[in-house]
C-alpha atoms as a PDB file:
ATOM      1  CA  MET A   1      -8.797  34.804 -41.574  1.00  0.00           C
ATOM      2  CA  LYS A   2      -5.475  34.777 -39.484  1.00  0.00           C
ATOM      3  CA  SER A   3      -4.181  31.382 -38.694  1.00  0.00           C
ATOM      4  CA  VAL A   4      -3.740  30.585 -34.807  1.00  0.00           C
ATOM      5  CA  ILE A   5      -0.272  29.160 -33.520  1.00  0.00           C
ATOM      6  CA  PRO A   6      -0.948  26.778 -30.931  1.00  0.00           C
ATOM      7  CA  LEU A   7       0.930  26.971 -27.673  1.00  0.00           C
ATOM      8  CA  PRO A   8       3.487  24.577 -26.794  1.00  0.00           C
ATOM      9  CA  PRO A   9       2.639  21.730 -24.615  1.00  0.00           C
ATOM     10  CA  ALA A  10       3.546  22.681 -20.833  1.00  0.00           C
ATOM     11  CA  ARG A  11       6.650  20.961 -19.710  1.00  0.00           C
ATOM     12  CA  LEU A  12       6.334  21.229 -16.043  1.00  0.00           C
ATOM     13  CA  LEU A  13       3.066  20.276 -14.390  1.00  0.00           C
ATOM     14  CA  ARG A  14       1.337  20.558 -10.901  1.00  0.00           C
ATOM     15  CA  LEU A  15       0.985  17.646  -8.968  1.00  0.00           C
ATOM     16  CA  ALA A  16      -2.645  16.806 -10.155  1.00  0.00           C
ATOM     17  CA  ASP A  17      -1.472  17.349 -13.770  1.00  0.00           C
ATOM     18  CA  ALA A  18       1.590  15.032 -13.430  1.00  0.00           C
ATOM     19  CA  ALA A  19      -0.860  12.571 -11.981  1.00  0.00           C
ATOM     20  CA  ALA A  20      -3.150  12.641 -14.671  1.00  0.00           C
ATOM     21  CA  PHE A  21      -0.559  12.849 -17.302  1.00  0.00           C
ATOM     22  CA  CYS A  22       0.705   9.314 -15.625  1.00  0.00           C
ATOM     23  CA  SER A  23      -3.158   8.025 -15.645  1.00  0.00           C
ATOM     24  CA  LEU A  24      -2.706   8.010 -12.020  1.00  0.00           C
ATOM     25  CA  THR A  25      -4.809   9.541  -8.837  1.00  0.00           C
ATOM     26  CA  VAL A  26      -2.763  11.827  -6.719  1.00  0.00           C
ATOM     27  CA  SER A  27      -2.374   9.486  -3.792  1.00  0.00           C
ATOM     28  CA  VAL A  28      -0.757   6.858  -6.021  1.00  0.00           C
ATOM     29  CA  PHE A  29       1.318   8.954  -7.927  1.00  0.00           C
ATOM     30  CA  GLU A  30       3.046  10.474  -4.823  1.00  0.00           C
ATOM     31  CA  ARG A  31       3.677   7.083  -3.523  1.00  0.00           C
ATOM     32  CA  ALA A  32       4.904   5.306  -6.839  1.00  0.00           C
ATOM     33  CA  CYS A  33       6.977   8.070  -8.557  1.00  0.00           C
ATOM     34  CA  PRO A  34      10.575   8.667  -7.772  1.00  0.00           C
ATOM     35  CA  VAL A  35      10.572  11.695  -9.939  1.00  0.00           C
ATOM     36  CA  ALA A  36      11.222  14.907  -7.446  1.00  0.00           C
ATOM     37  CA  PRO A  37       9.130  18.075  -8.417  1.00  0.00           C
ATOM     38  CA  ILE A  38      11.028  21.113  -8.824  1.00  0.00           C
ATOM     39  CA  ASN A  39      10.546  23.962  -6.350  1.00  0.00           C
ATOM     40  CA  LEU A  40       9.904  27.345  -8.324  1.00  0.00           C
ATOM     41  CA  SER A  41       9.959  29.071  -5.065  1.00  0.00           C
ATOM     42  CA  PRO A  42      11.923  32.399  -5.973  1.00  0.00           C
ATOM     43  CA  ASP A  43      13.363  32.023  -1.933  1.00  0.00           C
ATOM     44  CA  GLY A  44      13.594  28.650  -1.728  1.00  0.00           C
ATOM     45  CA  ARG A  45      10.619  28.167   0.529  1.00  0.00           C
ATOM     46  CA  ASP A  46       8.589  25.111   0.965  1.00  0.00           C
ATOM     47  CA  ASP A  47       5.557  25.950  -0.880  1.00  0.00           C
ATOM     48  CA  ARG A  48       3.338  23.231  -2.273  1.00  0.00           C
ATOM     49  CA  ARG A  49       1.674  25.432  -4.678  1.00  0.00           C
ATOM     50  CA  LEU A  50       4.828  26.046  -6.573  1.00  0.00           C
ATOM     51  CA  LEU A  51       6.252  22.686  -7.043  1.00  0.00           C
ATOM     52  CA  ARG A  52       6.217  21.187 -10.656  1.00  0.00           C
ATOM     53  CA  TYR A  53       7.147  18.170 -12.123  1.00  0.00           C
ATOM     54  CA  ASP A  54       9.226  17.996 -15.465  1.00  0.00           C
ATOM     55  CA  VAL A  55       7.387  16.192 -18.029  1.00  0.00           C
ATOM     56  CA  ARG A  56      10.561  14.769 -19.649  1.00  0.00           C
ATOM     57  CA  ALA A  57      11.744  13.265 -16.485  1.00  0.00           C
ATOM     58  CA  LEU A  58       8.435  11.759 -16.387  1.00  0.00           C
ATOM     59  CA  HIS A  59       8.922   9.922 -19.778  1.00  0.00           C
ATOM     60  CA  GLU A  60      12.094   9.163 -18.644  1.00  0.00           C
ATOM     61  CA  TRP A  61      10.538   7.120 -15.293  1.00  0.00           C
ATOM     62  CA  ILE A  62       8.101   5.729 -17.758  1.00  0.00           C
ATOM     63  CA  ASP A  63      10.674   4.792 -20.010  1.00  0.00           C
ATOM     64  CA  LEU A  64      12.418   2.555 -17.159  1.00  0.00           C
ATOM     65  CA  LEU A  65       9.191   1.194 -16.175  1.00  0.00           C
ATOM     66  CA  SER A  66       8.294   0.137 -19.825  1.00  0.00           C
ATOM     67  CA  GLY A  67      11.737  -1.264 -20.536  1.00  0.00           C
ATOM     68  CA  ARG A  68      12.716   1.211 -22.877  1.00  0.00           C
ATOM     69  CA  ALA A  69      16.762   1.752 -23.274  1.00  0.00           C
ATOM     70  CA  ALA A  70      17.669   5.452 -23.680  1.00  0.00           C
ATOM     71  CA  GLY A  71      18.140   6.271 -27.070  1.00  0.00           C
ATOM     72  CA  MET A  72      15.557   4.150 -28.436  1.00  0.00           C
ATOM     73  CA  PRO A  73      13.618   5.350 -31.751  1.00  0.00           C
ATOM     74  CA  GLU A  74      10.052   6.454 -30.597  1.00  0.00           C
ATOM     75  CA  TYR A  75       7.180   4.547 -31.835  1.00  0.00           C
END
């Protein structure tokens, strides 16, 4: 039997997924989260379908909210 290598977790999230990642509704996430989405549109157009939130930036924001200093060891 072949072993299956799992895919890495997604680094870029759609709006609804980013809100769920933070355990917030989309409307609360949009009001509360200061993390700007990345525009993946090749021509720079404003297309909400191509906006993604970087999980690492969301982690940094959550770390700031929780009072964790940068460089602290993980739990």
